[in-house]
C-alpha atoms as a PDB file:
ATOM      1  CA  MET A   1     -27.744   8.120  13.393  1.00  0.00           C
ATOM      2  CA  ALA A   2     -27.883   5.899  10.325  1.00  0.00           C
ATOM      3  CA  THR A   3     -26.900   2.259  10.558  1.00  0.00           C
ATOM      4  CA  THR A   4     -23.967   1.393   8.350  1.00  0.00           C
ATOM      5  CA  PHE A   5     -23.839  -1.492   5.894  1.00  0.00           C
ATOM      6  CA  ALA A   6     -21.173  -3.110   7.952  1.00  0.00           C
ATOM      7  CA  ARG A   7     -23.298  -2.921  11.085  1.00  0.00           C
ATOM      8  CA  ARG A   8     -26.367  -4.430   9.353  1.00  0.00           C
ATOM      9  CA  GLU A   9     -24.285  -7.215   7.961  1.00  0.00           C
ATOM     10  CA  ARG A  10     -22.910  -7.899  11.410  1.00  0.00           C
ATOM     11  CA  LEU A  11     -26.388  -8.247  12.836  1.00  0.00           C
ATOM     12  CA  ALA A  12     -27.682 -10.294   9.934  1.00  0.00           C
ATOM     13  CA  LEU A  13     -24.682 -12.601  10.208  1.00  0.00           C
ATOM     14  CA  CYS A  14     -25.488 -13.237  13.821  1.00  0.00           C
ATOM     15  CA  ASP A  15     -29.143 -13.928  13.072  1.00  0.00           C
ATOM     16  CA  ASP A  16     -28.277 -16.296  10.265  1.00  0.00           C
ATOM     17  CA  ALA A  17     -25.702 -18.020  12.366  1.00  0.00           C
ATOM     18  CA  LEU A  18     -28.301 -18.763  15.025  1.00  0.00           C
ATOM     19  CA  ALA A  19     -30.760 -19.914  12.403  1.00  0.00           C
ATOM     20  CA  ALA A  20     -28.243 -22.181  10.798  1.00  0.00           C
ATOM     21  CA  GLY A  21     -26.846 -23.706  14.057  1.00  0.00           C
ATOM     22  CA  PRO A  22     -23.283 -24.015  15.299  1.00  0.00           C
ATOM     23  CA  ASP A  23     -22.451 -27.144  13.234  1.00  0.00           C
ATOM     24  CA  ALA A  24     -23.694 -25.825   9.889  1.00  0.00           C
ATOM     25  CA  PRO A  25     -21.124 -25.680   7.071  1.00  0.00           C
ATOM     26  CA  THR A  26     -19.644 -22.374   5.694  1.00  0.00           C
ATOM     27  CA  LEU A  27     -17.714 -21.554   2.597  1.00  0.00           C
ATOM     28  CA  CYS A  28     -14.606 -21.342   4.799  1.00  0.00           C
ATOM     29  CA  GLU A  29     -13.020 -24.762   4.308  1.00  0.00           C
ATOM     30  CA  GLY A  30     -12.887 -26.685   7.617  1.00  0.00           C
ATOM     31  CA  TRP A  31     -14.959 -24.121   9.462  1.00  0.00           C
ATOM     32  CA  ASP A  32     -18.531 -24.575  10.691  1.00  0.00           C
ATOM     33  CA  VAL A  33     -20.678 -21.649  11.833  1.00  0.00           C
ATOM     34  CA  GLU A  34     -19.294 -21.743  15.350  1.00  0.00           C
ATOM     35  CA  ASP A  35     -15.653 -21.632  14.092  1.00  0.00           C
ATOM     36  CA  LEU A  36     -16.557 -18.667  11.923  1.00  0.00           C
ATOM     37  CA  VAL A  37     -18.166 -16.646  14.791  1.00  0.00           C
ATOM     38  CA  VAL A  38     -15.111 -17.542  17.052  1.00  0.00           C
ATOM     39  CA  HIS A  39     -12.773 -16.308  14.343  1.00  0.00           C
ATOM     40  CA  LEU A  40     -14.667 -12.967  14.245  1.00  0.00           C
ATOM     41  CA  LEU A  41     -14.512 -12.533  17.966  1.00  0.00           C
ATOM     42  CA  VAL A  42     -10.841 -13.283  18.121  1.00  0.00           C
ATOM     43  CA  ARG A  43     -10.247 -10.799  15.279  1.00  0.00           C
ATOM     44  CA  GLU A  44     -12.106  -8.115  16.988  1.00  0.00           C
ATOM     45  CA  ARG A  45     -11.546  -8.676  20.679  1.00  0.00           C
ATOM     46  CA  ARG A  46      -8.005 -10.169  20.674  1.00  0.00           C
ATOM     47  CA  PRO A  47      -6.499  -8.803  17.540  1.00  0.00           C
ATOM     48  CA  TRP A  48      -2.906  -9.510  18.665  1.00  0.00           C
ATOM     49  CA  ALA A  49      -3.897 -13.252  18.639  1.00  0.00           C
ATOM     50  CA  ALA A  50      -5.400 -13.085  15.209  1.00  0.00           C
ATOM     51  CA  ALA A  51      -1.938 -12.639  13.620  1.00  0.00           C
ATOM     52  CA  GLY A  52      -1.701 -16.441  13.588  1.00  0.00           C
ATOM     53  CA  ILE A  53      -4.168 -16.478  10.739  1.00  0.00           C
ATOM     54  CA  PHE A  54      -1.568 -15.044   8.588  1.00  0.00           C
ATOM     55  CA  VAL A  55       1.800 -16.144  10.281  1.00  0.00           C
ATOM     56  CA  LYS A  56       2.016 -19.879  10.667  1.00  0.00           C
ATOM     57  CA  ARG A  57       4.410 -19.760  13.594  1.00  0.00           C
ATOM     58  CA  LEU A  58       1.852 -17.644  15.548  1.00  0.00           C
ATOM     59  CA  ALA A  59      -0.971 -20.087  14.885  1.00  0.00           C
ATOM     60  CA  PRO A  60      -0.793 -21.512  18.414  1.00  0.00           C
ATOM     61  CA  LEU A  61      -1.529 -18.068  19.751  1.00  0.00           C
ATOM     62  CA  THR A  62      -4.676 -17.851  17.607  1.00  0.00           C
ATOM     63  CA  GLU A  63      -5.760 -21.374  18.619  1.00  0.00           C
ATOM     64  CA  ARG A  64      -5.382 -20.485  22.294  1.00  0.00           C
ATOM     65  CA  ALA A  65      -7.467 -17.362  21.863  1.00  0.00           C
ATOM     66  CA  GLY A  66     -10.243 -19.280  20.021  1.00  0.00           C
ATOM     67  CA  ALA A  67     -10.222 -21.939  22.715  1.00  0.00           C
ATOM     68  CA  ALA A  68     -11.364 -19.351  25.235  1.00  0.00           C
ATOM     69  CA  TYR A  69     -14.599 -19.045  23.242  1.00  0.00           C
ATOM     70  CA  ALA A  70     -15.043 -22.652  22.003  1.00  0.00           C
ATOM     71  CA  GLY A  71     -17.707 -24.640  23.548  1.00  0.00           C
ATOM     72  CA  ARG A  72     -19.731 -21.672  24.711  1.00  0.00           C
ATOM     73  CA  PRO A  73     -23.365 -21.442  23.514  1.00  0.00           C
ATOM     74  CA  LEU A  74     -23.664 -19.976  20.052  1.00  0.00           C
ATOM     75  CA  ALA A  75     -26.267 -17.525  21.383  1.00  0.00           C
ATOM     76  CA  GLU A  76     -23.746 -16.153  23.886  1.00  0.00           C
ATOM     77  CA  LEU A  77     -21.002 -15.839  21.192  1.00  0.00           C
ATOM     78  CA  ALA A  78     -23.408 -14.047  18.815  1.00  0.00           C
ATOM     79  CA  ASP A  79     -24.487 -11.607  21.485  1.00  0.00           C
ATOM     80  CA  ARG A  80     -20.805 -10.709  22.050  1.00  0.00           C
ATOM     81  CA  LEU A  81     -20.319 -10.262  18.331  1.00  0.00           C
ATOM     82  CA  ARG A  82     -23.293  -7.901  18.086  1.00  0.00           C
ATOM     83  CA  ASP A  83     -21.758  -5.544  20.520  1.00  0.00           C
ATOM     84  CA  PRO A  84     -18.330  -4.441  19.222  1.00  0.00           C
ATOM     85  CA  ARG A  85     -15.898  -2.428  21.309  1.00  0.00           C
ATOM     86  CA  PRO A  86     -15.234   1.124  20.260  1.00  0.00           C
ATOM     87  CA  LEU A  87     -12.025   1.834  18.437  1.00  0.00           C
ATOM     88  CA  PRO A  88      -9.764   4.952  18.653  1.00  0.00           C
ATOM     89  CA  THR A  89     -10.952   7.560  16.103  1.00  0.00           C
ATOM     90  CA  ALA A  90      -7.663   7.320  14.129  1.00  0.00           C
ATOM     91  CA  LEU A  91      -8.369   3.609  13.350  1.00  0.00           C
ATOM     92  CA  GLN A  92     -11.962   3.974  12.343  1.00  0.00           C
ATOM     93  CA  PRO A  93     -11.610   4.621   8.604  1.00  0.00           C
ATOM     94  CA  VAL A  94      -9.406   1.505   8.174  1.00  0.00           C
ATOM     95  CA  GLU A  95     -11.693  -0.550  10.376  1.00  0.00           C
ATOM     96  CA  ARG A  96     -14.851   0.667   8.481  1.00  0.00           C
ATOM     97  CA  ALA A  97     -13.415  -0.630   5.173  1.00  0.00           C
ATOM     98  CA  MET A  98     -12.272  -3.901   6.741  1.00  0.00           C
ATOM     99  CA  ASN A  99     -15.602  -4.501   8.501  1.00  0.00           C
ATOM    100  CA  THR A 100     -17.633  -3.727   5.326  1.00  0.00           C
ATOM    101  CA  VAL A 101     -15.838  -6.462   3.531  1.00  0.00           C
ATOM    102  CA  GLU A 102     -15.377  -8.848   6.516  1.00  0.00           C
ATOM    103  CA  PHE A 103     -18.960  -9.009   7.584  1.00  0.00           C
ATOM    104  CA  PHE A 104     -20.468  -9.009   4.148  1.00  0.00           C
ATOM    105  CA  VAL A 105     -18.182 -11.847   2.989  1.00  0.00           C
ATOM    106  CA  HIS A 106     -18.526 -13.929   6.101  1.00  0.00           C
ATOM    107  CA  HIS A 107     -22.385 -13.373   6.074  1.00  0.00           C
ATOM    108  CA  GLU A 108     -22.334 -14.846   2.682  1.00  0.00           C
ATOM    109  CA  ASP A 109     -20.017 -17.597   3.855  1.00  0.00           C
ATOM    110  CA  ILE A 110     -22.852 -18.761   6.133  1.00  0.00           C
ATOM    111  CA  ARG A 111     -25.702 -18.088   3.550  1.00  0.00           C
ATOM    112  CA  ARG A 112     -23.864 -19.969   0.714  1.00  0.00           C
ATOM    113  CA  GLY A 113     -22.518 -22.795   2.847  1.00  0.00           C
ATOM    114  CA  ARG A 114     -25.680 -24.756   2.208  1.00  0.00           C
ATOM    115  CA  PRO A 115     -27.475 -25.685  -1.046  1.00  0.00           C
ATOM    116  CA  GLY A 116     -30.248 -23.464  -2.466  1.00  0.00           C
ATOM    117  CA  TRP A 117     -28.653 -20.041  -1.825  1.00  0.00           C
ATOM    118  CA  SER A 118     -29.390 -17.163  -4.137  1.00  0.00           C
ATOM    119  CA  ARG A 119     -27.647 -13.820  -4.720  1.00  0.00           C
ATOM    120  CA  ARG A 120     -29.052 -10.882  -2.780  1.00  0.00           C
ATOM    121  CA  GLU A 121     -29.962  -7.562  -4.479  1.00  0.00           C
ATOM    122  CA  LEU A 122     -28.155  -4.943  -2.449  1.00  0.00           C
ATOM    123  CA  ALA A 123     -29.337  -1.390  -2.067  1.00  0.00           C
ATOM    124  CA  PRO A 124     -27.393   1.173  -4.186  1.00  0.00           C
ATOM    125  CA  GLU A 125     -25.852   2.783  -1.087  1.00  0.00           C
ATOM    126  CA  ASP A 126     -24.669  -0.697   0.098  1.00  0.00           C
ATOM    127  CA  GLU A 127     -23.063  -1.304  -3.246  1.00  0.00           C
ATOM    128  CA  ARG A 128     -21.295   1.938  -2.998  1.00  0.00           C
ATOM    129  CA  GLN A 129     -19.971   0.988   0.408  1.00  0.00           C
ATOM    130  CA  LEU A 130     -18.522  -2.174  -1.175  1.00  0.00           C
ATOM    131  CA  TRP A 131     -16.933  -0.161  -4.030  1.00  0.00           C
ATOM    132  CA  ARG A 132     -15.355   2.183  -1.483  1.00  0.00           C
ATOM    133  CA  ALA A 133     -13.957  -0.822   0.437  1.00  0.00           C
ATOM    134  CA  LEU A 134     -12.563  -2.413  -2.732  1.00  0.00           C
ATOM    135  CA  ARG A 135     -10.777   0.785  -3.644  1.00  0.00           C
ATOM    136  CA  PHE A 136      -8.951   0.511  -0.305  1.00  0.00           C
ATOM    137  CA  LEU A 137      -8.379  -3.166  -0.182  1.00  0.00           C
ATOM    138  CA  GLY A 138      -8.711  -4.517  -3.799  1.00  0.00           C
ATOM    139  CA  ARG A 139      -4.979  -4.428  -4.716  1.00  0.00           C
ATOM    140  CA  MET A 140      -4.008  -6.380  -1.672  1.00  0.00           C
ATOM    141  CA  ALA A 141      -6.654  -9.021  -2.552  1.00  0.00           C
ATOM    142  CA  VAL A 142      -5.320  -9.730  -6.094  1.00  0.00           C
ATOM    143  CA  ARG A 143      -1.591  -9.555  -5.287  1.00  0.00           C
ATOM    144  CA  SER A 144      -1.170 -13.284  -6.180  1.00  0.00           C
ATOM    145  CA  ALA A 145      -3.229 -12.972  -9.413  1.00  0.00           C
ATOM    146  CA  GLY A 146      -0.037 -12.614 -11.616  1.00  0.00           C
ATOM    147  CA  ALA A 147      -1.844 -10.083 -13.835  1.00  0.00           C
ATOM    148  CA  PRO A 148      -3.514  -6.617 -13.634  1.00  0.00           C
ATOM    149  CA  VAL A 149      -7.235  -6.885 -12.950  1.00  0.00           C
ATOM    150  CA  VAL A 150     -10.079  -4.525 -13.790  1.00  0.00           C
ATOM    151  CA  VAL A 151     -13.428  -5.073 -12.010  1.00  0.00           C
ATOM    152  CA  THR A 152     -16.584  -3.426 -13.165  1.00  0.00           C
ATOM    153  CA  ASP A 153     -20.336  -3.660 -12.951  1.00  0.00           C
ATOM    154  CA  GLY A 154     -20.625  -1.883 -16.230  1.00  0.00           C
ATOM    155  CA  THR A 155     -20.898   1.512 -14.714  1.00  0.00           C
ATOM    156  CA  THR A 156     -18.239   1.696 -11.989  1.00  0.00           C
ATOM    157  CA  SER A 157     -14.848   0.330 -12.752  1.00  0.00           C
ATOM    158  CA  LEU A 158     -11.677  -0.245 -10.594  1.00  0.00           C
ATOM    159  CA  THR A 159      -8.206  -1.020 -11.834  1.00  0.00           C
ATOM    160  CA  LEU A 160      -6.246  -3.219  -9.495  1.00  0.00           C
ATOM    161  CA  GLY A 161      -2.513  -3.424 -10.278  1.00  0.00           C
ATOM    162  CA  ARG A 162      -0.393  -2.119 -13.098  1.00  0.00           C
ATOM    163  CA  GLY A 163       0.450  -3.697 -16.324  1.00  0.00           C
ATOM    164  CA  GLU A 164      -0.719  -4.227 -19.900  1.00  0.00           C
ATOM    165  CA  ARG A 165      -3.489  -6.519 -21.127  1.00  0.00           C
ATOM    166  CA  PRO A 166      -5.431  -6.787 -17.854  1.00  0.00           C
ATOM    167  CA  VAL A 167      -8.209  -9.347 -17.130  1.00  0.00           C
ATOM    168  CA  THR A 168     -11.559  -7.581 -16.881  1.00  0.00           C
ATOM    169  CA  VAL A 169     -14.088  -9.182 -14.512  1.00  0.00           C
ATOM    170  CA  THR A 170     -17.661  -7.886 -14.946  1.00  0.00           C
ATOM    171  CA  GLY A 171     -20.567  -8.440 -12.635  1.00  0.00           C
ATOM    172  CA  PRO A 172     -22.437  -7.183  -9.538  1.00  0.00           C
ATOM    173  CA  VAL A 173     -20.068  -5.630  -6.900  1.00  0.00           C
ATOM    174  CA  SER A 174     -21.333  -8.142  -4.359  1.00  0.00           C
ATOM    175  CA  GLU A 175     -19.967 -11.053  -6.503  1.00  0.00           C
ATOM    176  CA  LEU A 176     -16.893  -9.158  -7.417  1.00  0.00           C
ATOM    177  CA  THR A 177     -16.157  -8.773  -3.746  1.00  0.00           C
ATOM    178  CA  LEU A 178     -16.686 -12.392  -2.999  1.00  0.00           C
ATOM    179  CA  PHE A 179     -14.541 -13.462  -5.962  1.00  0.00           C
ATOM    180  CA  LEU A 180     -11.711 -11.125  -4.922  1.00  0.00           C
ATOM    181  CA  LEU A 181     -11.759 -12.599  -1.378  1.00  0.00           C
ATOM    182  CA  GLY A 182     -11.292 -16.066  -2.739  1.00  0.00           C
ATOM    183  CA  ARG A 183     -14.864 -17.376  -2.895  1.00  0.00           C
ATOM    184  CA  ARG A 184     -15.844 -19.454  -5.898  1.00  0.00           C
ATOM    185  CA  GLN A 185     -19.584 -19.682  -5.135  1.00  0.00           C
ATOM    186  CA  VAL A 186     -20.474 -16.606  -7.013  1.00  0.00           C
ATOM    187  CA  ALA A 187     -23.114 -15.659  -9.699  1.00  0.00           C
ATOM    188  CA  GLY A 188     -23.186 -13.596 -12.776  1.00  0.00           C
ATOM    189  CA  LEU A 189     -19.421 -12.960 -13.321  1.00  0.00           C
ATOM    190  CA  SER A 190     -17.777 -12.819 -16.817  1.00  0.00           C
ATOM    191  CA  PHE A 191     -14.057 -12.728 -17.511  1.00  0.00           C
ATOM    192  CA  ASP A 192     -12.378 -11.021 -20.576  1.00  0.00           C
ATOM    193  CA  GLY A 193      -8.704 -10.822 -21.497  1.00  0.00           C
ATOM    194  CA  PRO A 194      -5.820 -13.096 -22.560  1.00  0.00           C
ATOM    195  CA  GLN A 195      -6.818 -16.650 -21.772  1.00  0.00           C
ATOM    196  CA  GLU A 196      -3.710 -17.543 -19.984  1.00  0.00           C
ATOM    197  CA  LYS A 197      -4.226 -14.562 -17.641  1.00  0.00           C
ATOM    198  CA  VAL A 198      -7.879 -15.407 -17.147  1.00  0.00           C
ATOM    199  CA  ASP A 199      -6.863 -18.963 -16.241  1.00  0.00           C
ATOM    200  CA  ARG A 200      -4.149 -17.733 -13.820  1.00  0.00           C
ATOM    201  CA  LEU A 201      -6.550 -15.361 -12.087  1.00  0.00           C
ATOM    202  CA  GLN A 202      -9.290 -18.048 -11.739  1.00  0.00           C
ATOM    203  CA  GLN A 203      -6.790 -20.422 -10.196  1.00  0.00           C
ATOM    204  CA  ALA A 204      -4.994 -17.960  -7.970  1.00  0.00           C
ATOM    205  CA  THR A 205      -5.430 -17.842  -4.207  1.00  0.00           C
ATOM    206  CA  LEU A 206      -7.063 -14.480  -3.817  1.00  0.00           C
ATOM    207  CA  GLY A 207      -7.864 -12.469  -0.673  1.00  0.00           C
ATOM    208  CA  PHE A 208      -5.921 -11.559   2.352  1.00  0.00           C
END
């Protein structure tokens, strides 16, 4: 059975987390590597508690769930993250799209959290996996953009949102994904469209 892109990113994230160490910085403001791994474990193993990430009044629930993992050796946490629990068949398509984005972006959060990072060249099939995930999740990611957005790598294009005079963002799908998920440490993107809409998009809080 072929290993999916999401699965390979999961394993590579764990490897890079261990190489970086628990206190290494990430692109997630206020989170070090250990915090990020704990977040992924809470999201996956205690999903009811992860609601506090999005709903402020539920934040104590998320904090308590995270506290159950905090302070454990990073190697133990990474081992748990490597071995996900199976999901019901009906949820697998949604989870596949979410995991493709989640593990790719958080892997890059670790890679790009320190100086000297460089953009990875992804295999064509891995790029197709990201495009498929963006078709499923992209509109949600740009809901605060205040303008329709077209993302393209020059060959594949995706229109996110309705409206006239969209902003077109061009670049590798890896960098488009990171930008749409609110990361600013990206490479090779260009923006075209009404300047006020470009400015609004670049200043918006994108992602989930």
